[in-house]
Amino acid sequence: MNAMLVGADTLGNIPDVLQSYGITINRHLSGRNSSHQRKVDRLPAGTELLILFTDFLGHNVMRHFRELAAEQQIRFIACRRSVCALKQSLSGAGMCENPCAACPQRASEKAGKRKR
């Protein structure tokens, strides 16, 4: 699954956590740079999940990216930039860490890859 991350200047251990959930980072915007705050019309192609780190974003930036995700029917989660908060949000969204071969989530991901 490809994800776009918005917020946080540095990611620290977050890429490792996302990898354990089978998520790769498609793009990361810090949200602080003024060029990152300009209005974009679409999320990058292939984005399947939007992750918003709330402790590094203004309300308008967050609202804009949430609306983009809703328009493109892309799932999004919002959490603080910490490993624990990210794991809790991912689990709450129905994703499991290190999915086993019998996991229904993994089976649906494989079926989606075959269709492409």
PDB file of N, CA and C in Angstrom:
ATOM      1  N   MET A   1       0.856  -1.167   0.000  1.00  0.00           N
ATOM      2  CA  MET A   1       0.000   0.000   0.000  1.00  0.00           C
ATOM      3  C   MET A   1       0.903   1.231   0.000  1.00  0.00           C
ATOM      4  N   ASN A   2       0.602   2.199  -0.844  1.00  0.00           N
ATOM      5  CA  ASN A   2       1.357   3.447  -0.929  1.00  0.00           C
ATOM      6  C   ASN A   2       0.681   4.525  -0.097  1.00  0.00           C
ATOM      7  N   ALA A   3       1.484   5.260   0.667  1.00  0.00           N
ATOM      8  CA  ALA A   3       0.935   6.302   1.535  1.00  0.00           C
ATOM      9  C   ALA A   3       1.620   7.629   1.277  1.00  0.00           C
ATOM     10  N   MET A   4       0.865   8.695   1.443  1.00  0.00           N
ATOM     11  CA  MET A   4       1.409  10.043   1.432  1.00  0.00           C
ATOM     12  C   MET A   4       1.349  10.549   2.866  1.00  0.00           C
ATOM     13  N   LEU A   5       2.468  11.094   3.341  1.00  0.00           N
ATOM     14  CA  LEU A   5       2.552  11.618   4.694  1.00  0.00           C
ATOM     15  C   LEU A   5       2.605  13.128   4.636  1.00  0.00           C
ATOM     16  N   VAL A   6       1.819  13.782   5.476  1.00  0.00           N
ATOM     17  CA  VAL A   6       1.812  15.234   5.551  1.00  0.00           C
ATOM     18  C   VAL A   6       2.036  15.626   6.999  1.00  0.00           C
ATOM     19  N   GLY A   7       3.061  16.435   7.226  1.00  0.00           N
ATOM     20  CA  GLY A   7       3.415  16.870   8.566  1.00  0.00           C
ATOM     21  C   GLY A   7       4.718  16.233   9.001  1.00  0.00           C
ATOM     22  N   ALA A   8       5.346  16.773  10.014  1.00  0.00           N
ATOM     23  CA  ALA A   8       6.590  16.278  10.596  1.00  0.00           C
ATOM     24  C   ALA A   8       7.783  16.655   9.732  1.00  0.00           C
ATOM     25  N   ASP A   9       8.757  17.306  10.346  1.00  0.00           N
ATOM     26  CA  ASP A   9       9.976  17.678   9.636  1.00  0.00           C
ATOM     27  C   ASP A   9      10.824  16.437   9.357  1.00  0.00           C
ATOM     28  N   THR A  10      10.970  15.599  10.364  1.00  0.00           N
ATOM     29  CA  THR A  10      11.717  14.349  10.207  1.00  0.00           C
ATOM     30  C   THR A  10      10.805  13.203  10.599  1.00  0.00           C
ATOM     31  N   LEU A  11      11.076  12.041  10.023  1.00  0.00           N
ATOM     32  CA  LEU A  11      10.200  10.894  10.269  1.00  0.00           C
ATOM     33  C   LEU A  11      10.726   9.933  11.319  1.00  0.00           C
ATOM     34  N   GLY A  12      12.024   9.937  11.585  1.00  0.00           N
ATOM     35  CA  GLY A  12      12.568   9.049  12.606  1.00  0.00           C
ATOM     36  C   GLY A  12      12.305   7.589  12.296  1.00  0.00           C
ATOM     37  N   ASN A  13      11.639   6.877  13.211  1.00  0.00           N
ATOM     38  CA  ASN A  13      11.353   5.439  13.058  1.00  0.00           C
ATOM     39  C   ASN A  13      10.065   5.157  12.295  1.00  0.00           C
ATOM     40  N   ILE A  14       9.376   6.172  11.871  1.00  0.00           N
ATOM     41  CA  ILE A  14       8.067   5.988  11.231  1.00  0.00           C
ATOM     42  C   ILE A  14       8.141   5.138   9.961  1.00  0.00           C
ATOM     43  N   PRO A  15       9.155   5.316   9.077  1.00  0.00           N
ATOM     44  CA  PRO A  15       9.210   4.439   7.896  1.00  0.00           C
ATOM     45  C   PRO A  15       9.300   2.952   8.253  1.00  0.00           C
ATOM     46  N   ASP A  16      10.019   2.616   9.327  1.00  0.00           N
ATOM     47  CA  ASP A  16      10.128   1.220   9.759  1.00  0.00           C
ATOM     48  C   ASP A  16       8.774   0.692  10.239  1.00  0.00           C
ATOM     49  N   VAL A  17       8.044   1.521  10.980  1.00  0.00           N
ATOM     50  CA  VAL A  17       6.726   1.120  11.466  1.00  0.00           C
ATOM     51  C   VAL A  17       5.783   0.891  10.293  1.00  0.00           C
ATOM     52  N   LEU A  18       5.788   1.816   9.337  1.00  0.00           N
ATOM     53  CA  LEU A  18       4.917   1.672   8.172  1.00  0.00           C
ATOM     54  C   LEU A  18       5.272   0.426   7.368  1.00  0.00           C
ATOM     55  N   GLN A  19       6.555   0.135   7.242  1.00  0.00           N
ATOM     56  CA  GLN A  19       6.980  -1.054   6.509  1.00  0.00           C
ATOM     57  C   GLN A  19       6.470  -2.331   7.177  1.00  0.00           C
ATOM     58  N   SER A  20       6.419  -2.345   8.496  1.00  0.00           N
ATOM     59  CA  SER A  20       5.918  -3.532   9.199  1.00  0.00           C
ATOM     60  C   SER A  20       4.418  -3.739   8.955  1.00  0.00           C
ATOM     61  N   TYR A  21       3.715  -2.684   8.535  1.00  0.00           N
ATOM     62  CA  TYR A  21       2.300  -2.781   8.177  1.00  0.00           C
ATOM     63  C   TYR A  21       2.110  -2.988   6.672  1.00  0.00           C
ATOM     64  N   GLY A  22       3.213  -3.104   5.934  1.00  0.00           N
ATOM     65  CA  GLY A  22       3.133  -3.289   4.497  1.00  0.00           C
ATOM     66  C   GLY A  22       2.845  -2.004   3.743  1.00  0.00           C
ATOM     67  N   ILE A  23       3.231  -0.867   4.323  1.00  0.00           N
ATOM     68  CA  ILE A  23       2.959   0.444   3.730  1.00  0.00           C
ATOM     69  C   ILE A  23       4.280   1.074   3.308  1.00  0.00           C
ATOM     70  N   THR A  24       4.329   1.573   2.078  1.00  0.00           N
ATOM     71  CA  THR A  24       5.509   2.293   1.606  1.00  0.00           C
ATOM     72  C   THR A  24       5.159   3.774   1.472  1.00  0.00           C
ATOM     73  N   ILE A  25       6.153   4.614   1.678  1.00  0.00           N
ATOM     74  CA  ILE A  25       5.937   6.063   1.606  1.00  0.00           C
ATOM     75  C   ILE A  25       6.067   6.492   0.151  1.00  0.00           C
ATOM     76  N   ASN A  26       4.965   6.967  -0.399  1.00  0.00           N
ATOM     77  CA  ASN A  26       4.924   7.458  -1.764  1.00  0.00           C
ATOM     78  C   ASN A  26       5.482   8.878  -1.830  1.00  0.00           C
ATOM     79  N   ARG A  27       5.110   9.710  -0.844  1.00  0.00           N
ATOM     80  CA  ARG A  27       5.571  11.093  -0.793  1.00  0.00           C
ATOM     81  C   ARG A  27       5.431  11.614   0.633  1.00  0.00           C
ATOM     82  N   HIS A  28       6.324  12.514   1.022  1.00  0.00           N
ATOM     83  CA  HIS A  28       6.263  13.129   2.343  1.00  0.00           C
ATOM     84  C   HIS A  28       6.376  14.639   2.192  1.00  0.00           C
ATOM     85  N   LEU A  29       5.411  15.369   2.739  1.00  0.00           N
ATOM     86  CA  LEU A  29       5.453  16.831   2.788  1.00  0.00           C
ATOM     87  C   LEU A  29       5.527  17.245   4.246  1.00  0.00           C
ATOM     88  N   SER A  30       6.487  18.111   4.567  1.00  0.00           N
ATOM     89  CA  SER A  30       6.630  18.509   5.967  1.00  0.00           C
ATOM     90  C   SER A  30       5.462  19.373   6.421  1.00  0.00           C
ATOM     91  N   GLY A  31       4.883  20.163   5.519  1.00  0.00           N
ATOM     92  CA  GLY A  31       3.764  21.017   5.894  1.00  0.00           C
ATOM     93  C   GLY A  31       4.193  22.352   6.446  1.00  0.00           C
ATOM     94  N   ARG A  32       5.447  22.487   6.863  1.00  0.00           N
ATOM     95  CA  ARG A  32       5.935  23.765   7.393  1.00  0.00           C
ATOM     96  C   ARG A  32       6.418  24.682   6.276  1.00  0.00           C
ATOM     97  N   ASN A  33       7.043  24.090   5.266  1.00  0.00           N
ATOM     98  CA  ASN A  33       7.549  24.877   4.153  1.00  0.00           C
ATOM     99  C   ASN A  33       6.373  25.533   3.431  1.00  0.00           C
ATOM    100  N   SER A  34       6.504  26.803   3.093  1.00  0.00           N
ATOM    101  CA  SER A  34       5.379  27.514   2.481  1.00  0.00           C
ATOM    102  C   SER A  34       4.985  26.906   1.137  1.00  0.00           C
ATOM    103  N   SER A  35       5.940  26.322   0.414  1.00  0.00           N
ATOM    104  CA  SER A  35       5.596  25.685  -0.865  1.00  0.00           C
ATOM    105  C   SER A  35       4.755  24.432  -0.641  1.00  0.00           C
ATOM    106  N   HIS A  36       4.916  23.799   0.496  1.00  0.00           N
ATOM    107  CA  HIS A  36       4.107  22.612   0.818  1.00  0.00           C
ATOM    108  C   HIS A  36       2.688  22.997   1.203  1.00  0.00           C
ATOM    109  N   GLN A  37       2.505  24.239   1.641  1.00  0.00           N
ATOM    110  CA  GLN A  37       1.191  24.672   2.078  1.00  0.00           C
ATOM    111  C   GLN A  37       0.339  25.216   0.937  1.00  0.00           C
ATOM    112  N   ARG A  38       0.941  25.370  -0.235  1.00  0.00           N
ATOM    113  CA  ARG A  38       0.155  25.846  -1.381  1.00  0.00           C
ATOM    114  C   ARG A  38      -0.861  24.792  -1.750  1.00  0.00           C
ATOM    115  N   LYS A  39      -1.940  25.247  -2.307  1.00  0.00           N
ATOM    116  CA  LYS A  39      -3.016  24.330  -2.670  1.00  0.00           C
ATOM    117  C   LYS A  39      -2.598  23.450  -3.845  1.00  0.00           C
ATOM    118  N   VAL A  40      -2.691  22.153  -3.666  1.00  0.00           N
ATOM    119  CA  VAL A  40      -2.488  21.206  -4.755  1.00  0.00           C
ATOM    120  C   VAL A  40      -3.853  20.649  -5.115  1.00  0.00           C
ATOM    121  N   ASP A  41      -4.036  20.297  -6.395  1.00  0.00           N
ATOM    122  CA  ASP A  41      -5.369  19.835  -6.791  1.00  0.00           C
ATOM    123  C   ASP A  41      -5.577  18.342  -6.599  1.00  0.00           C
ATOM    124  N   ARG A  42      -4.505  17.569  -6.545  1.00  0.00           N
ATOM    125  CA  ARG A  42      -4.653  16.111  -6.428  1.00  0.00           C
ATOM    126  C   ARG A  42      -3.547  15.551  -5.557  1.00  0.00           C
ATOM    127  N   LEU A  43      -3.823  14.408  -4.983  1.00  0.00           N
ATOM    128  CA  LEU A  43      -2.778  13.661  -4.296  1.00  0.00           C
ATOM    129  C   LEU A  43      -1.985  12.904  -5.362  1.00  0.00           C
ATOM    130  N   PRO A  44      -0.735  12.536  -5.088  1.00  0.00           N
ATOM    131  CA  PRO A  44       0.068  11.842  -6.093  1.00  0.00           C
ATOM    132  C   PRO A  44      -0.601  10.550  -6.573  1.00  0.00           C
ATOM    133  N   ALA A  45      -0.364  10.223  -7.832  1.00  0.00           N
ATOM    134  CA  ALA A  45      -0.935   8.994  -8.400  1.00  0.00           C
ATOM    135  C   ALA A  45      -0.433   7.788  -7.612  1.00  0.00           C
ATOM    136  N   GLY A  46      -1.300   6.837  -7.402  1.00  0.00           N
ATOM    137  CA  GLY A  46      -0.946   5.619  -6.675  1.00  0.00           C
ATOM    138  C   GLY A  46      -1.084   5.719  -5.172  1.00  0.00           C
ATOM    139  N   THR A  47      -1.515   6.863  -4.666  1.00  0.00           N
ATOM    140  CA  THR A  47      -1.689   7.033  -3.221  1.00  0.00           C
ATOM    141  C   THR A  47      -2.940   6.283  -2.779  1.00  0.00           C
ATOM    142  N   GLU A  48      -2.774   5.409  -1.794  1.00  0.00           N
ATOM    143  CA  GLU A  48      -3.895   4.625  -1.278  1.00  0.00           C
ATOM    144  C   GLU A  48      -4.256   4.993   0.154  1.00  0.00           C
ATOM    145  N   LEU A  49      -3.362   5.731   0.827  1.00  0.00           N
ATOM    146  CA  LEU A  49      -3.579   6.110   2.217  1.00  0.00           C
ATOM    147  C   LEU A  49      -2.926   7.467   2.455  1.00  0.00           C
ATOM    148  N   LEU A  50      -3.629   8.355   3.149  1.00  0.00           N
ATOM    149  CA  LEU A  50      -3.094   9.655   3.525  1.00  0.00           C
ATOM    150  C   LEU A  50      -2.926   9.660   5.038  1.00  0.00           C
ATOM    151  N   ILE A  51      -1.716   9.991   5.494  1.00  0.00           N
ATOM    152  CA  ILE A  51      -1.442  10.059   6.932  1.00  0.00           C
ATOM    153  C   ILE A  51      -1.106  11.504   7.273  1.00  0.00           C
ATOM    154  N   LEU A  52      -1.895  12.080   8.177  1.00  0.00           N
ATOM    155  CA  LEU A  52      -1.700  13.469   8.604  1.00  0.00           C
ATOM    156  C   LEU A  52      -1.157  13.479  10.029  1.00  0.00           C
ATOM    157  N   PHE A  53       0.000  14.113  10.229  1.00  0.00           N
ATOM    158  CA  PHE A  53       0.568  14.250  11.569  1.00  0.00           C
ATOM    159  C   PHE A  53       0.105  15.580  12.137  1.00  0.00           C
ATOM    160  N   THR A  54      -0.855  15.527  13.033  1.00  0.00           N
ATOM    161  CA  THR A  54      -1.606  16.695  13.474  1.00  0.00           C
ATOM    162  C   THR A  54      -0.788  17.693  14.288  1.00  0.00           C
ATOM    163  N   ASP A  55       0.250  17.244  14.981  1.00  0.00           N
ATOM    164  CA  ASP A  55       0.982  18.183  15.827  1.00  0.00           C
ATOM    165  C   ASP A  55       1.943  19.063  15.030  1.00  0.00           C
ATOM    166  N   PHE A  56       1.997  18.899  13.720  1.00  0.00           N
ATOM    167  CA  PHE A  56       2.867  19.716  12.886  1.00  0.00           C
ATOM    168  C   PHE A  56       2.101  20.416  11.766  1.00  0.00           C
ATOM    169  N   LEU A  57       0.780  20.422  11.808  1.00  0.00           N
ATOM    170  CA  LEU A  57      -0.014  20.985  10.724  1.00  0.00           C
ATOM    171  C   LEU A  57      -0.985  22.036  11.233  1.00  0.00           C
ATOM    172  N   GLY A  58      -1.213  23.031  10.393  1.00  0.00           N
ATOM    173  CA  GLY A  58      -2.251  24.005  10.678  1.00  0.00           C
ATOM    174  C   GLY A  58      -3.600  23.434  10.274  1.00  0.00           C
ATOM    175  N   HIS A  59      -4.659  24.026  10.784  1.00  0.00           N
ATOM    176  CA  HIS A  59      -6.007  23.523  10.499  1.00  0.00           C
ATOM    177  C   HIS A  59      -6.358  23.600   9.016  1.00  0.00           C
ATOM    178  N   ASN A  60      -5.980  24.680   8.354  1.00  0.00           N
ATOM    179  CA  ASN A  60      -6.327  24.835   6.943  1.00  0.00           C
ATOM    180  C   ASN A  60      -5.617  23.813   6.062  1.00  0.00           C
ATOM    181  N   VAL A  61      -4.347  23.552   6.345  1.00  0.00           N
ATOM    182  CA  VAL A  61      -3.592  22.562   5.565  1.00  0.00           C
ATOM    183  C   VAL A  61      -4.217  21.187   5.767  1.00  0.00           C
ATOM    184  N   MET A  62      -4.530  20.865   6.999  1.00  0.00           N
ATOM    185  CA  MET A  62      -5.118  19.563   7.295  1.00  0.00           C
ATOM    186  C   MET A  62      -6.483  19.413   6.629  1.00  0.00           C
ATOM    187  N   ARG A  63      -7.288  20.435   6.705  1.00  0.00           N
ATOM    188  CA  ARG A  63      -8.617  20.385   6.084  1.00  0.00           C
ATOM    189  C   ARG A  63      -8.494  20.205   4.575  1.00  0.00           C
ATOM    190  N   HIS A  64      -7.564  20.907   3.953  1.00  0.00           N
ATOM    191  CA  HIS A  64      -7.396  20.798   2.499  1.00  0.00           C
ATOM    192  C   HIS A  64      -7.030  19.366   2.091  1.00  0.00           C
ATOM    193  N   PHE A  65      -6.082  18.742   2.790  1.00  0.00           N
ATOM    194  CA  PHE A  65      -5.675  17.384   2.424  1.00  0.00           C
ATOM    195  C   PHE A  65      -6.771  16.368   2.733  1.00  0.00           C
ATOM    196  N   ARG A  66      -7.531  16.577   3.806  1.00  0.00           N
ATOM    197  CA  ARG A  66      -8.669  15.686   4.090  1.00  0.00           C
ATOM    198  C   ARG A  66      -9.699  15.762   2.975  1.00  0.00           C
ATOM    199  N   GLU A  67      -9.975  16.967   2.495  1.00  0.00           N
ATOM    200  CA  GLU A  67     -10.938  17.128   1.406  1.00  0.00           C
ATOM    201  C   GLU A  67     -10.442  16.478   0.122  1.00  0.00           C
ATOM    202  N   LEU A  68      -9.141  16.601  -0.177  1.00  0.00           N
ATOM    203  CA  LEU A  68      -8.582  15.932  -1.356  1.00  0.00           C
ATOM    204  C   LEU A  68      -8.752  14.418  -1.251  1.00  0.00           C
ATOM    205  N   ALA A  69      -8.474  13.876  -0.078  1.00  0.00           N
ATOM    206  CA  ALA A  69      -8.611  12.434   0.118  1.00  0.00           C
ATOM    207  C   ALA A  69     -10.061  12.003  -0.057  1.00  0.00           C
ATOM    208  N   ALA A  70     -10.986  12.781   0.462  1.00  0.00           N
ATOM    209  CA  ALA A  70     -12.405  12.442   0.332  1.00  0.00           C
ATOM    210  C   ALA A  70     -12.844  12.498  -1.125  1.00  0.00           C
ATOM    211  N   GLU A  71     -12.398  13.509  -1.871  1.00  0.00           N
ATOM    212  CA  GLU A  71     -12.760  13.626  -3.287  1.00  0.00           C
ATOM    213  C   GLU A  71     -12.258  12.436  -4.099  1.00  0.00           C
ATOM    214  N   GLN A  72     -11.056  11.963  -3.774  1.00  0.00           N
ATOM    215  CA  GLN A  72     -10.449  10.874  -4.521  1.00  0.00           C
ATOM    216  C   GLN A  72     -10.744   9.510  -3.899  1.00  0.00           C
ATOM    217  N   GLN A  73     -11.571   9.498  -2.864  1.00  0.00           N
ATOM    218  CA  GLN A  73     -11.957   8.282  -2.153  1.00  0.00           C
ATOM    219  C   GLN A  73     -10.735   7.503  -1.657  1.00  0.00           C
ATOM    220  N   ILE A  74      -9.838   8.243  -1.013  1.00  0.00           N
ATOM    221  CA  ILE A  74      -8.633   7.666  -0.422  1.00  0.00           C
ATOM    222  C   ILE A  74      -8.786   7.702   1.085  1.00  0.00           C
ATOM    223  N   ARG A  75      -8.467   6.605   1.735  1.00  0.00           N
ATOM    224  CA  ARG A  75      -8.542   6.538   3.189  1.00  0.00           C
ATOM    225  C   ARG A  75      -7.505   7.455   3.809  1.00  0.00           C
ATOM    226  N   PHE A  76      -7.846   8.056   4.939  1.00  0.00           N
ATOM    227  CA  PHE A  76      -6.858   8.868   5.634  1.00  0.00           C
ATOM    228  C   PHE A  76      -6.954   8.626   7.127  1.00  0.00           C
ATOM    229  N   ILE A  77      -5.816   8.816   7.782  1.00  0.00           N
ATOM    230  CA  ILE A  77      -5.784   8.768   9.238  1.00  0.00           C
ATOM    231  C   ILE A  77      -5.052  10.020   9.715  1.00  0.00           C
ATOM    232  N   ALA A  78      -5.372  10.459  10.902  1.00  0.00           N
ATOM    233  CA  ALA A  78      -4.722  11.608  11.509  1.00  0.00           C
ATOM    234  C   ALA A  78      -4.263  11.201  12.909  1.00  0.00           C
ATOM    235  N   CYS A  79      -3.011  11.522  13.220  1.00  0.00           N
ATOM    236  CA  CYS A  79      -2.473  11.168  14.532  1.00  0.00           C
ATOM    237  C   CYS A  79      -1.286  12.075  14.845  1.00  0.00           C
ATOM    238  N   ARG A  80      -0.815  11.989  16.074  1.00  0.00           N
ATOM    239  CA  ARG A  80       0.405  12.704  16.444  1.00  0.00           C
ATOM    240  C   ARG A  80       1.599  11.996  15.809  1.00  0.00           C
ATOM    241  N   ARG A  81       2.737  12.701  15.718  1.00  0.00           N
ATOM    242  CA  ARG A  81       3.926  12.100  15.129  1.00  0.00           C
ATOM    243  C   ARG A  81       4.695  11.332  16.207  1.00  0.00           C
ATOM    244  N   SER A  82       4.184  10.177  16.525  1.00  0.00           N
ATOM    245  CA  SER A  82       4.880   9.268  17.427  1.00  0.00           C
ATOM    246  C   SER A  82       4.561   7.851  16.969  1.00  0.00           C
ATOM    247  N   VAL A  83       5.477   6.966  17.231  1.00  0.00           N
ATOM    248  CA  VAL A  83       5.298   5.578  16.807  1.00  0.00           C
ATOM    249  C   VAL A  83       4.063   4.973  17.453  1.00  0.00           C
ATOM    250  N   CYS A  84       3.862   5.227  18.735  1.00  0.00           N
ATOM    251  CA  CYS A  84       2.707   4.661  19.442  1.00  0.00           C
ATOM    252  C   CYS A  84       1.386   5.185  18.874  1.00  0.00           C
ATOM    253  N   ALA A  85       1.307   6.500  18.631  1.00  0.00           N
ATOM    254  CA  ALA A  85       0.076   7.080  18.090  1.00  0.00           C
ATOM    255  C   ALA A  85      -0.194   6.558  16.686  1.00  0.00           C
ATOM    256  N   LEU A  86       0.869   6.394  15.882  1.00  0.00           N
ATOM    257  CA  LEU A  86       0.701   5.882  14.521  1.00  0.00           C
ATOM    258  C   LEU A  86       0.205   4.440  14.544  1.00  0.00           C
ATOM    259  N   LYS A  87       0.817   3.607  15.383  1.00  0.00           N
ATOM    260  CA  LYS A  87       0.377   2.206  15.480  1.00  0.00           C
ATOM    261  C   LYS A  87      -1.079   2.114  15.926  1.00  0.00           C
ATOM    262  N   GLN A  88      -1.452   2.941  16.883  1.00  0.00           N
ATOM    263  CA  GLN A  88      -2.828   2.932  17.380  1.00  0.00           C
ATOM    264  C   GLN A  88      -3.803   3.345  16.280  1.00  0.00           C
ATOM    265  N   SER A  89      -3.460   4.355  15.500  1.00  0.00           N
ATOM    266  CA  SER A  89      -4.336   4.821  14.420  1.00  0.00           C
ATOM    267  C   SER A  89      -4.438   3.787  13.301  1.00  0.00           C
ATOM    268  N   LEU A  90      -3.316   3.155  12.963  1.00  0.00           N
ATOM    269  CA  LEU A  90      -3.342   2.129  11.918  1.00  0.00           C
ATOM    270  C   LEU A  90      -4.174   0.926  12.356  1.00  0.00           C
ATOM    271  N   SER A  91      -4.023   0.524  13.609  1.00  0.00           N
ATOM    272  CA  SER A  91      -4.821  -0.597  14.128  1.00  0.00           C
ATOM    273  C   SER A  91      -6.303  -0.235  14.160  1.00  0.00           C
ATOM    274  N   GLY A  92      -6.594   0.992  14.536  1.00  0.00           N
ATOM    275  CA  GLY A  92      -7.978   1.463  14.555  1.00  0.00           C
ATOM    276  C   GLY A  92      -8.600   1.508  13.165  1.00  0.00           C
ATOM    277  N   ALA A  93      -7.751   1.665  12.142  1.00  0.00           N
ATOM    278  CA  ALA A  93      -8.233   1.698  10.756  1.00  0.00           C
ATOM    279  C   ALA A  93      -8.343   0.294  10.162  1.00  0.00           C
ATOM    280  N   GLY A  94      -8.071  -0.721  10.983  1.00  0.00           N
ATOM    281  CA  GLY A  94      -8.237  -2.099  10.527  1.00  0.00           C
ATOM    282  C   GLY A  94      -7.008  -2.708   9.893  1.00  0.00           C
ATOM    283  N   MET A  95      -5.857  -2.089  10.052  1.00  0.00           N
ATOM    284  CA  MET A  95      -4.625  -2.644   9.500  1.00  0.00           C
ATOM    285  C   MET A  95      -3.877  -3.370  10.599  1.00  0.00           C
ATOM    286  N   CYS A  96      -3.242  -4.468  10.237  1.00  0.00           N
ATOM    287  CA  CYS A  96      -2.519  -5.230  11.255  1.00  0.00           C
ATOM    288  C   CYS A  96      -1.028  -5.247  10.930  1.00  0.00           C
ATOM    289  N   GLU A  97      -0.247  -5.262  11.996  1.00  0.00           N
ATOM    290  CA  GLU A  97       1.202  -5.278  11.861  1.00  0.00           C
ATOM    291  C   GLU A  97       1.651  -6.691  11.500  1.00  0.00           C
ATOM    292  N   ASN A  98       2.587  -6.803  10.578  1.00  0.00           N
ATOM    293  CA  ASN A  98       3.105  -8.094  10.113  1.00  0.00           C
ATOM    294  C   ASN A  98       1.968  -9.057   9.787  1.00  0.00           C
ATOM    295  N   PRO A  99       1.139  -8.751   8.777  1.00  0.00           N
ATOM    296  CA  PRO A  99       0.003  -9.631   8.466  1.00  0.00           C
ATOM    297  C   PRO A  99       0.462 -11.027   8.069  1.00  0.00           C
ATOM    298  N   CYS A 100      -0.207 -12.011   8.598  1.00  0.00           N
ATOM    299  CA  CYS A 100       0.140 -13.398   8.293  1.00  0.00           C
ATOM    300  C   CYS A 100      -0.458 -13.798   6.942  1.00  0.00           C
ATOM    301  N   ALA A 101      -0.080 -14.957   6.449  1.00  0.00           N
ATOM    302  CA  ALA A 101      -0.537 -15.421   5.137  1.00  0.00           C
ATOM    303  C   ALA A 101      -2.044 -15.615   5.102  1.00  0.00           C
ATOM    304  N   ALA A 102      -2.659 -15.942   6.245  1.00  0.00           N
ATOM    305  CA  ALA A 102      -4.102 -16.201   6.294  1.00  0.00           C
ATOM    306  C   ALA A 102      -4.911 -14.923   6.527  1.00  0.00           C
ATOM    307  N   CYS A 103      -4.239 -13.785   6.644  1.00  0.00           N
ATOM    308  CA  CYS A 103      -4.928 -12.526   6.942  1.00  0.00           C
ATOM    309  C   CYS A 103      -5.800 -12.095   5.766  1.00  0.00           C
ATOM    310  N   PRO A 104      -7.081 -11.783   5.994  1.00  0.00           N
ATOM    311  CA  PRO A 104      -7.952 -11.332   4.904  1.00  0.00           C
ATOM    312  C   PRO A 104      -7.456 -10.035   4.261  1.00  0.00           C
ATOM    313  N   GLN A 105      -6.793  -9.176   5.044  1.00  0.00           N
ATOM    314  CA  GLN A 105      -6.272  -7.928   4.493  1.00  0.00           C
ATOM    315  C   GLN A 105      -5.203  -8.221   3.448  1.00  0.00           C
ATOM    316  N   ARG A 106      -4.319  -9.147   3.743  1.00  0.00           N
ATOM    317  CA  ARG A 106      -3.256  -9.493   2.807  1.00  0.00           C
ATOM    318  C   ARG A 106      -3.826 -10.118   1.543  1.00  0.00           C
ATOM    319  N   ALA A 107      -4.854 -10.954   1.678  1.00  0.00           N
ATOM    320  CA  ALA A 107      -5.479 -11.582   0.515  1.00  0.00           C
ATOM    321  C   ALA A 107      -6.110 -10.537  -0.392  1.00  0.00           C
ATOM    322  N   SER A 108      -6.748  -9.515   0.200  1.00  0.00           N
ATOM    323  CA  SER A 108      -7.376  -8.473  -0.626  1.00  0.00           C
ATOM    324  C   SER A 108      -6.324  -7.603  -1.305  1.00  0.00           C
ATOM    325  N   GLU A 109      -5.174  -7.383  -0.646  1.00  0.00           N
ATOM    326  CA  GLU A 109      -4.104  -6.612  -1.273  1.00  0.00           C
ATOM    327  C   GLU A 109      -3.521  -7.365  -2.462  1.00  0.00           C
ATOM    328  N   LYS A 110      -3.338  -8.681  -2.313  1.00  0.00           N
ATOM    329  CA  LYS A 110      -2.805  -9.485  -3.415  1.00  0.00           C
ATOM    330  C   LYS A 110      -3.762  -9.493  -4.590  1.00  0.00           C
ATOM    331  N   ALA A 111      -5.056  -9.572  -4.298  1.00  0.00           N
ATOM    332  CA  ALA A 111      -6.054  -9.570  -5.376  1.00  0.00           C
ATOM    333  C   ALA A 111      -6.040  -8.242  -6.103  1.00  0.00           C
ATOM    334  N   GLY A 112      -5.850  -7.151  -5.370  1.00  0.00           N
ATOM    335  CA  GLY A 112      -5.785  -5.825  -5.980  1.00  0.00           C
ATOM    336  C   GLY A 112      -4.560  -5.674  -6.865  1.00  0.00           C
ATOM    337  N   LYS A 113      -3.431  -6.279  -6.480  1.00  0.00           N
ATOM    338  CA  LYS A 113      -2.223  -6.199  -7.285  1.00  0.00           C
ATOM    339  C   LYS A 113      -2.370  -7.005  -8.573  1.00  0.00           C
ATOM    340  N   ARG A 114      -3.090  -8.127  -8.502  1.00  0.00           N
ATOM    341  CA  ARG A 114      -3.289  -8.952  -9.703  1.00  0.00           C
ATOM    342  C   ARG A 114      -4.120  -8.236 -10.753  1.00  0.00           C
ATOM    343  N   LYS A 115      -5.068  -7.393 -10.297  1.00  0.00           N
ATOM    344  CA  LYS A 115      -5.963  -6.693 -11.239  1.00  0.00           C
ATOM    345  C   LYS A 115      -5.208  -5.630 -12.023  1.00  0.00           C
ATOM    346  N   ARG A 116      -4.126  -5.112 -11.478  1.00  0.00           N
ATOM    347  CA  ARG A 116      -3.392  -4.016 -12.129  1.00  0.00           C
ATOM    348  C   ARG A 116      -2.573  -4.494 -13.259  1.00  0.00           C
TER     349      ARG A 116
END
